[in-house]
């Protein structure tokens, strides 16, 4: 597939007058590449107990309901990869990183359900702002092989589409503001958060820092209280969003 179609979208995105026109241009490009589904999502504020706000999407019928009902968000490798990824990644590569996860049975059910709904593979493009991860664009469906150049251009397009959509909604300036961290953290707490974002368990962090697992858990519980987080995953999400770690 010629990359000129992606370059053309980058130009047309700046000329779009409405969000509907902008998304129409994106859907035309994805149709040319034979991607069946897509999602453009903005991360909501974690402290409000929310995870994301979908700006535009075309997903399989009932997939979102199945995903929520079966609590697949707890094991979704894409969601977990988004917390730490700085670059685009392929969905099947994210899944391969969890081969030894103790919850791999549920992960296998997630994969099977996704395939039944037509989601066989895809690409995910994290979008970062001044305060960390602000959203993402995913393009999924049947397997499509993209070249490194195409992945790079799609990554640029994802960012362009996200910011142009926010501009057209009058919301871009809100996401350009820097939100400084107001929670005082010790050097050790910062070390623990840094290792959490890398996916390390309490025993692994303990070995790295040469302290006990009990002490690591004590630090994590303290971080949850300080940051008003529900669990350690919420700690990671807040740390990335506030720019405590990158």
C-alpha atoms as a PDB file:
ATOM      1  CA  UNK A   1       0.000   0.000   0.000  1.00  0.00           C
ATOM      2  CA  UNK A   2       1.367   3.426  -0.929  1.00  0.00           C
ATOM      3  CA  UNK A   3       2.268   5.671   1.990  1.00  0.00           C
ATOM      4  CA  UNK A   4       0.987   8.696   0.081  1.00  0.00           C
ATOM      5  CA  UNK A   5      -2.519   7.977   1.426  1.00  0.00           C
ATOM      6  CA  UNK A   6      -1.317   8.490   5.004  1.00  0.00           C
ATOM      7  CA  UNK A   7       0.549  11.644   4.019  1.00  0.00           C
ATOM      8  CA  UNK A   8      -2.619  12.868   2.320  1.00  0.00           C
ATOM      9  CA  UNK A   9      -4.556  12.326   5.550  1.00  0.00           C
ATOM     10  CA  UNK A  10      -2.013  14.395   7.470  1.00  0.00           C
ATOM     11  CA  UNK A  11      -2.671  17.278   5.101  1.00  0.00           C
ATOM     12  CA  UNK A  12      -6.454  16.898   4.981  1.00  0.00           C
ATOM     13  CA  UNK A  13      -6.728  16.620   8.780  1.00  0.00           C
ATOM     14  CA  UNK A  14      -5.609  20.211   9.137  1.00  0.00           C
ATOM     15  CA  UNK A  15      -8.281  21.334   6.684  1.00  0.00           C
ATOM     16  CA  UNK A  16     -11.184  19.445   8.290  1.00  0.00           C
ATOM     17  CA  UNK A  17     -13.938  21.775   9.494  1.00  0.00           C
ATOM     18  CA  UNK A  18     -15.785  19.330  11.747  1.00  0.00           C
ATOM     19  CA  UNK A  19     -14.959  16.279  13.846  1.00  0.00           C
ATOM     20  CA  UNK A  20     -17.235  14.222  11.605  1.00  0.00           C
ATOM     21  CA  UNK A  21     -15.301  15.241   8.510  1.00  0.00           C
ATOM     22  CA  UNK A  22     -12.025  14.431  10.248  1.00  0.00           C
ATOM     23  CA  UNK A  23     -13.155  10.955  11.283  1.00  0.00           C
ATOM     24  CA  UNK A  24     -14.536  10.344   7.803  1.00  0.00           C
ATOM     25  CA  UNK A  25     -11.062  10.965   6.387  1.00  0.00           C
ATOM     26  CA  UNK A  26      -9.563   8.522   8.888  1.00  0.00           C
ATOM     27  CA  UNK A  27     -12.133   5.842   8.067  1.00  0.00           C
ATOM     28  CA  UNK A  28     -11.447   6.234   4.340  1.00  0.00           C
ATOM     29  CA  UNK A  29      -7.735   5.626   4.947  1.00  0.00           C
ATOM     30  CA  UNK A  30      -8.360   2.598   7.160  1.00  0.00           C
ATOM     31  CA  UNK A  31     -10.716   1.189   4.545  1.00  0.00           C
ATOM     32  CA  UNK A  32      -7.955   1.459   1.946  1.00  0.00           C
ATOM     33  CA  UNK A  33      -5.691  -0.545   4.238  1.00  0.00           C
ATOM     34  CA  UNK A  34      -8.490  -3.066   4.933  1.00  0.00           C
ATOM     35  CA  UNK A  35      -8.609  -2.485   8.663  1.00  0.00           C
ATOM     36  CA  UNK A  36     -12.058  -3.526   9.906  1.00  0.00           C
ATOM     37  CA  UNK A  37     -12.162  -1.661  13.222  1.00  0.00           C
ATOM     38  CA  UNK A  38     -10.607   1.277  15.006  1.00  0.00           C
ATOM     39  CA  UNK A  39     -10.861   3.252  18.222  1.00  0.00           C
ATOM     40  CA  UNK A  40      -9.677   6.738  19.101  1.00  0.00           C
ATOM     41  CA  UNK A  41      -9.823   7.169  22.863  1.00  0.00           C
ATOM     42  CA  UNK A  42      -8.889   9.885  25.310  1.00  0.00           C
ATOM     43  CA  UNK A  43      -7.852   8.884  28.808  1.00  0.00           C
ATOM     44  CA  UNK A  44     -10.167  10.316  31.426  1.00  0.00           C
ATOM     45  CA  UNK A  45      -8.947  11.460  34.815  1.00  0.00           C
ATOM     46  CA  UNK A  46      -8.115   8.383  36.920  1.00  0.00           C
ATOM     47  CA  UNK A  47      -8.952  10.201  40.135  1.00  0.00           C
ATOM     48  CA  UNK A  48     -12.553  10.346  38.940  1.00  0.00           C
ATOM     49  CA  UNK A  49     -12.648   6.561  38.731  1.00  0.00           C
ATOM     50  CA  UNK A  50     -12.796   6.626  34.928  1.00  0.00           C
ATOM     51  CA  UNK A  51     -10.444   5.027  32.429  1.00  0.00           C
ATOM     52  CA  UNK A  52     -11.142   6.432  28.970  1.00  0.00           C
ATOM     53  CA  UNK A  53     -13.493   8.456  26.815  1.00  0.00           C
ATOM     54  CA  UNK A  54     -14.042   7.159  23.282  1.00  0.00           C
ATOM     55  CA  UNK A  55     -13.903  10.008  20.777  1.00  0.00           C
ATOM     56  CA  UNK A  56     -14.646   7.862  17.731  1.00  0.00           C
ATOM     57  CA  UNK A  57     -14.796   4.152  17.025  1.00  0.00           C
ATOM     58  CA  UNK A  58     -16.035   1.368  14.812  1.00  0.00           C
ATOM     59  CA  UNK A  59     -15.886  -1.856  16.797  1.00  0.00           C
ATOM     60  CA  UNK A  60     -17.578  -5.269  16.532  1.00  0.00           C
ATOM     61  CA  UNK A  61     -21.186  -5.372  17.675  1.00  0.00           C
ATOM     62  CA  UNK A  62     -21.504  -6.207  21.392  1.00  0.00           C
ATOM     63  CA  UNK A  63     -17.736  -6.460  21.837  1.00  0.00           C
ATOM     64  CA  UNK A  64     -17.592  -3.690  24.427  1.00  0.00           C
ATOM     65  CA  UNK A  65     -20.383  -5.314  26.450  1.00  0.00           C
ATOM     66  CA  UNK A  66     -18.596  -8.689  26.416  1.00  0.00           C
ATOM     67  CA  UNK A  67     -15.301  -7.049  27.349  1.00  0.00           C
ATOM     68  CA  UNK A  68     -16.816  -5.271  30.354  1.00  0.00           C
ATOM     69  CA  UNK A  69     -19.040  -8.137  31.501  1.00  0.00           C
ATOM     70  CA  UNK A  70     -16.135 -10.609  31.561  1.00  0.00           C
ATOM     71  CA  UNK A  71     -13.781  -8.063  33.158  1.00  0.00           C
ATOM     72  CA  UNK A  72     -11.191  -8.543  30.481  1.00  0.00           C
ATOM     73  CA  UNK A  73      -9.676  -5.187  31.393  1.00  0.00           C
ATOM     74  CA  UNK A  74      -7.900  -6.928  34.274  1.00  0.00           C
ATOM     75  CA  UNK A  75      -5.815  -9.072  31.918  1.00  0.00           C
ATOM     76  CA  UNK A  76      -5.903  -7.183  28.611  1.00  0.00           C
ATOM     77  CA  UNK A  77      -2.256  -7.103  27.425  1.00  0.00           C
ATOM     78  CA  UNK A  78      -2.959  -4.065  25.254  1.00  0.00           C
ATOM     79  CA  UNK A  79      -4.253  -2.052  28.224  1.00  0.00           C
ATOM     80  CA  UNK A  80      -1.262  -3.107  30.298  1.00  0.00           C
ATOM     81  CA  UNK A  81       1.189  -2.328  27.508  1.00  0.00           C
ATOM     82  CA  UNK A  82      -0.300   1.145  27.066  1.00  0.00           C
ATOM     83  CA  UNK A  83       0.706   2.033  30.627  1.00  0.00           C
ATOM     84  CA  UNK A  84       4.394   1.751  29.778  1.00  0.00           C
ATOM     85  CA  UNK A  85       4.715   1.922  25.977  1.00  0.00           C
ATOM     86  CA  UNK A  86       6.285   4.999  24.422  1.00  0.00           C
ATOM     87  CA  UNK A  87       6.079   3.727  20.844  1.00  0.00           C
ATOM     88  CA  UNK A  88       3.516   1.941  18.639  1.00  0.00           C
ATOM     89  CA  UNK A  89       3.150  -1.787  19.185  1.00  0.00           C
ATOM     90  CA  UNK A  90       1.372  -4.708  17.587  1.00  0.00           C
ATOM     91  CA  UNK A  91      -1.398  -6.416  19.527  1.00  0.00           C
ATOM     92  CA  UNK A  92      -0.008  -9.907  19.063  1.00  0.00           C
ATOM     93  CA  UNK A  93       3.364  -8.735  20.426  1.00  0.00           C
ATOM     94  CA  UNK A  94       1.695  -7.387  23.575  1.00  0.00           C
ATOM     95  CA  UNK A  95      -0.053 -10.739  24.088  1.00  0.00           C
ATOM     96  CA  UNK A  96       3.209 -12.665  23.688  1.00  0.00           C
ATOM     97  CA  UNK A  97       4.688 -10.781  26.646  1.00  0.00           C
ATOM     98  CA  UNK A  98       2.105 -12.420  28.925  1.00  0.00           C
ATOM     99  CA  UNK A  99       2.797 -16.043  28.006  1.00  0.00           C
ATOM    100  CA  UNK A 100       3.848 -16.826  31.576  1.00  0.00           C
ATOM    101  CA  UNK A 101       1.236 -14.717  33.331  1.00  0.00           C
ATOM    102  CA  UNK A 102      -0.636 -16.690  36.039  1.00  0.00           C
ATOM    103  CA  UNK A 103      -3.912 -15.408  34.562  1.00  0.00           C
ATOM    104  CA  UNK A 104      -3.138 -16.789  31.105  1.00  0.00           C
ATOM    105  CA  UNK A 105      -6.332 -18.903  31.116  1.00  0.00           C
ATOM    106  CA  UNK A 106      -8.449 -15.762  31.221  1.00  0.00           C
ATOM    107  CA  UNK A 107      -6.124 -14.156  28.679  1.00  0.00           C
ATOM    108  CA  UNK A 108      -6.727 -17.106  26.372  1.00  0.00           C
ATOM    109  CA  UNK A 109     -10.490 -16.628  26.741  1.00  0.00           C
ATOM    110  CA  UNK A 110     -10.055 -12.937  25.912  1.00  0.00           C
ATOM    111  CA  UNK A 111      -8.120 -13.854  22.776  1.00  0.00           C
ATOM    112  CA  UNK A 112     -10.724 -16.406  21.707  1.00  0.00           C
ATOM    113  CA  UNK A 113     -13.606 -13.997  22.274  1.00  0.00           C
ATOM    114  CA  UNK A 114     -11.789 -11.255  20.369  1.00  0.00           C
ATOM    115  CA  UNK A 115     -11.208 -13.586  17.421  1.00  0.00           C
ATOM    116  CA  UNK A 116     -14.872 -14.600  17.403  1.00  0.00           C
ATOM    117  CA  UNK A 117     -15.701 -10.906  17.082  1.00  0.00           C
ATOM    118  CA  UNK A 118     -13.282 -10.465  14.191  1.00  0.00           C
ATOM    119  CA  UNK A 119     -10.366  -8.938  16.118  1.00  0.00           C
ATOM    120  CA  UNK A 120      -7.435 -11.086  15.032  1.00  0.00           C
ATOM    121  CA  UNK A 121      -4.633  -8.560  15.273  1.00  0.00           C
ATOM    122  CA  UNK A 122      -3.889  -4.875  14.989  1.00  0.00           C
ATOM    123  CA  UNK A 123      -1.678  -1.955  15.910  1.00  0.00           C
ATOM    124  CA  UNK A 124      -1.867   0.404  18.880  1.00  0.00           C
ATOM    125  CA  UNK A 125      -0.503   3.946  18.897  1.00  0.00           C
ATOM    126  CA  UNK A 126      -0.032   5.564  22.341  1.00  0.00           C
ATOM    127  CA  UNK A 127      -0.515   9.335  22.365  1.00  0.00           C
ATOM    128  CA  UNK A 128       1.285  11.332  25.038  1.00  0.00           C
ATOM    129  CA  UNK A 129       0.803  14.889  26.212  1.00  0.00           C
ATOM    130  CA  UNK A 130       2.508  17.092  28.778  1.00  0.00           C
ATOM    131  CA  UNK A 131       1.067  15.025  31.620  1.00  0.00           C
ATOM    132  CA  UNK A 132       1.887  11.576  30.315  1.00  0.00           C
ATOM    133  CA  UNK A 133      -0.342   9.178  28.400  1.00  0.00           C
ATOM    134  CA  UNK A 134      -3.380  11.076  27.158  1.00  0.00           C
ATOM    135  CA  UNK A 135      -4.966   8.517  24.857  1.00  0.00           C
ATOM    136  CA  UNK A 136      -4.432   6.116  22.000  1.00  0.00           C
ATOM    137  CA  UNK A 137      -5.587   5.017  18.593  1.00  0.00           C
ATOM    138  CA  UNK A 138      -5.960   1.339  17.736  1.00  0.00           C
ATOM    139  CA  UNK A 139      -6.568  -0.128  14.285  1.00  0.00           C
ATOM    140  CA  UNK A 140      -7.651  -3.752  14.305  1.00  0.00           C
ATOM    141  CA  UNK A 141      -9.416  -6.619  12.562  1.00  0.00           C
ATOM    142  CA  UNK A 142      -7.850  -9.019  10.088  1.00  0.00           C
ATOM    143  CA  UNK A 143      -4.033  -9.188  10.123  1.00  0.00           C
ATOM    144  CA  UNK A 144      -2.478  -6.426   8.017  1.00  0.00           C
ATOM    145  CA  UNK A 145       1.273  -6.172   7.516  1.00  0.00           C
ATOM    146  CA  UNK A 146       2.533  -2.608   7.832  1.00  0.00           C
ATOM    147  CA  UNK A 147       6.073  -1.608   6.963  1.00  0.00           C
ATOM    148  CA  UNK A 148       8.171   0.315   9.511  1.00  0.00           C
ATOM    149  CA  UNK A 149       7.615   3.478   7.453  1.00  0.00           C
ATOM    150  CA  UNK A 150       3.845   2.966   7.454  1.00  0.00           C
ATOM    151  CA  UNK A 151       3.818   2.334  11.217  1.00  0.00           C
ATOM    152  CA  UNK A 152       5.765   5.556  11.751  1.00  0.00           C
ATOM    153  CA  UNK A 153       3.374   7.531   9.536  1.00  0.00           C
ATOM    154  CA  UNK A 154       0.301   6.002  11.203  1.00  0.00           C
ATOM    155  CA  UNK A 155       1.812   6.986  14.549  1.00  0.00           C
ATOM    156  CA  UNK A 156       2.100  10.579  13.337  1.00  0.00           C
ATOM    157  CA  UNK A 157      -1.442  10.405  11.950  1.00  0.00           C
ATOM    158  CA  UNK A 158      -2.813   9.150  15.290  1.00  0.00           C
ATOM    159  CA  UNK A 159      -1.372  12.165  17.091  1.00  0.00           C
ATOM    160  CA  UNK A 160      -2.559  14.539  14.360  1.00  0.00           C
ATOM    161  CA  UNK A 161      -6.085  13.140  14.411  1.00  0.00           C
ATOM    162  CA  UNK A 162      -6.277  13.258  18.227  1.00  0.00           C
ATOM    163  CA  UNK A 163      -5.113  16.874  18.510  1.00  0.00           C
ATOM    164  CA  UNK A 164      -7.186  18.057  15.554  1.00  0.00           C
ATOM    165  CA  UNK A 165     -10.256  16.393  17.054  1.00  0.00           C
ATOM    166  CA  UNK A 166      -9.614  18.190  20.353  1.00  0.00           C
ATOM    167  CA  UNK A 167      -9.104  21.483  18.521  1.00  0.00           C
ATOM    168  CA  UNK A 168     -12.410  21.118  16.697  1.00  0.00           C
ATOM    169  CA  UNK A 169     -14.134  20.394  20.017  1.00  0.00           C
ATOM    170  CA  UNK A 170     -12.450  23.380  21.669  1.00  0.00           C
ATOM    171  CA  UNK A 171     -10.685  21.119  24.162  1.00  0.00           C
ATOM    172  CA  UNK A 172      -7.056  21.185  23.022  1.00  0.00           C
ATOM    173  CA  UNK A 173      -5.888  23.915  25.418  1.00  0.00           C
ATOM    174  CA  UNK A 174      -7.167  21.927  28.394  1.00  0.00           C
ATOM    175  CA  UNK A 175      -4.831  19.053  27.540  1.00  0.00           C
ATOM    176  CA  UNK A 176      -1.862  21.319  26.893  1.00  0.00           C
ATOM    177  CA  UNK A 177      -1.808  22.543  30.489  1.00  0.00           C
ATOM    178  CA  UNK A 178       0.863  21.091  32.738  1.00  0.00           C
ATOM    179  CA  UNK A 179      -0.503  19.585  35.933  1.00  0.00           C
ATOM    180  CA  UNK A 180       2.378  19.510  38.422  1.00  0.00           C
ATOM    181  CA  UNK A 181       2.445  16.691  40.902  1.00  0.00           C
ATOM    182  CA  UNK A 182       1.253  17.893  44.284  1.00  0.00           C
ATOM    183  CA  UNK A 183       2.005  14.653  46.125  1.00  0.00           C
ATOM    184  CA  UNK A 184       5.400  14.714  47.922  1.00  0.00           C
ATOM    185  CA  UNK A 185       7.169  11.408  47.323  1.00  0.00           C
ATOM    186  CA  UNK A 186      10.387  10.096  48.827  1.00  0.00           C
ATOM    187  CA  UNK A 187      13.290   8.796  46.771  1.00  0.00           C
ATOM    188  CA  UNK A 188      12.392   5.203  47.717  1.00  0.00           C
ATOM    189  CA  UNK A 189       8.745   5.704  46.749  1.00  0.00           C
ATOM    190  CA  UNK A 190       9.864   7.025  43.357  1.00  0.00           C
ATOM    191  CA  UNK A 191      12.052   3.951  42.907  1.00  0.00           C
ATOM    192  CA  UNK A 192       9.135   1.648  43.728  1.00  0.00           C
ATOM    193  CA  UNK A 193       6.836   3.449  41.262  1.00  0.00           C
ATOM    194  CA  UNK A 194       9.502   3.284  38.566  1.00  0.00           C
ATOM    195  CA  UNK A 195       9.764  -0.496  38.971  1.00  0.00           C
ATOM    196  CA  UNK A 196       5.965  -0.870  39.071  1.00  0.00           C
ATOM    197  CA  UNK A 197       5.680   0.831  35.676  1.00  0.00           C
ATOM    198  CA  UNK A 198       8.070  -1.776  34.313  1.00  0.00           C
ATOM    199  CA  UNK A 199       5.662  -4.520  35.381  1.00  0.00           C
ATOM    200  CA  UNK A 200       7.769  -5.888  38.242  1.00  0.00           C
ATOM    201  CA  UNK A 201       6.093  -7.816  41.061  1.00  0.00           C
ATOM    202  CA  UNK A 202       6.700  -7.124  44.752  1.00  0.00           C
ATOM    203  CA  UNK A 203       9.292  -9.943  45.082  1.00  0.00           C
ATOM    204  CA  UNK A 204      11.097  -8.704  41.950  1.00  0.00           C
ATOM    205  CA  UNK A 205      11.165  -5.128  43.241  1.00  0.00           C
ATOM    206  CA  UNK A 206      12.376  -6.417  46.621  1.00  0.00           C
ATOM    207  CA  UNK A 207      15.302  -8.221  45.003  1.00  0.00           C
ATOM    208  CA  UNK A 208      16.206  -5.173  42.927  1.00  0.00           C
ATOM    209  CA  UNK A 209      16.112  -2.768  45.879  1.00  0.00           C
ATOM    210  CA  UNK A 210      17.484  -5.371  48.316  1.00  0.00           C
ATOM    211  CA  UNK A 211      14.606  -5.021  50.746  1.00  0.00           C
ATOM    212  CA  UNK A 212      11.867  -7.433  51.797  1.00  0.00           C
ATOM    213  CA  UNK A 213       8.643  -8.039  49.855  1.00  0.00           C
ATOM    214  CA  UNK A 214       6.744  -6.971  52.965  1.00  0.00           C
ATOM    215  CA  UNK A 215       8.536  -3.613  52.872  1.00  0.00           C
ATOM    216  CA  UNK A 216       7.736  -3.193  49.173  1.00  0.00           C
ATOM    217  CA  UNK A 217       4.048  -3.845  49.856  1.00  0.00           C
ATOM    218  CA  UNK A 218       4.216  -1.338  52.722  1.00  0.00           C
ATOM    219  CA  UNK A 219       5.547   1.301  50.301  1.00  0.00           C
ATOM    220  CA  UNK A 220       2.876   0.476  47.731  1.00  0.00           C
ATOM    221  CA  UNK A 221       0.102   0.740  50.316  1.00  0.00           C
ATOM    222  CA  UNK A 222       1.524   4.104  51.347  1.00  0.00           C
ATOM    223  CA  UNK A 223       1.569   5.255  47.727  1.00  0.00           C
ATOM    224  CA  UNK A 224      -2.064   4.236  47.292  1.00  0.00           C
ATOM    225  CA  UNK A 225      -3.000   6.352  50.311  1.00  0.00           C
ATOM    226  CA  UNK A 226      -0.941   9.346  49.202  1.00  0.00           C
ATOM    227  CA  UNK A 227      -2.172   9.265  45.624  1.00  0.00           C
ATOM    228  CA  UNK A 228      -5.735   8.209  46.477  1.00  0.00           C
ATOM    229  CA  UNK A 229      -5.323   5.209  44.189  1.00  0.00           C
ATOM    230  CA  UNK A 230      -7.506   2.093  44.288  1.00  0.00           C
ATOM    231  CA  UNK A 231      -4.699  -0.392  43.631  1.00  0.00           C
ATOM    232  CA  UNK A 232      -1.150  -0.639  42.322  1.00  0.00           C
ATOM    233  CA  UNK A 233      -2.307  -0.439  38.698  1.00  0.00           C
ATOM    234  CA  UNK A 234      -4.059   2.817  39.558  1.00  0.00           C
ATOM    235  CA  UNK A 235      -0.806   4.067  41.137  1.00  0.00           C
ATOM    236  CA  UNK A 236       0.990   3.375  37.849  1.00  0.00           C
ATOM    237  CA  UNK A 237      -1.724   5.106  35.797  1.00  0.00           C
ATOM    238  CA  UNK A 238      -1.623   8.215  37.993  1.00  0.00           C
ATOM    239  CA  UNK A 239       2.181   8.318  37.991  1.00  0.00           C
ATOM    240  CA  UNK A 240       2.294   8.197  34.187  1.00  0.00           C
ATOM    241  CA  UNK A 241      -0.470  10.734  33.773  1.00  0.00           C
ATOM    242  CA  UNK A 242       1.096  13.208  36.202  1.00  0.00           C
ATOM    243  CA  UNK A 243       4.520  12.782  34.690  1.00  0.00           C
ATOM    244  CA  UNK A 244       6.037  11.361  37.903  1.00  0.00           C
ATOM    245  CA  UNK A 245       7.618   8.714  35.702  1.00  0.00           C
ATOM    246  CA  UNK A 246       7.949   8.606  31.938  1.00  0.00           C
END
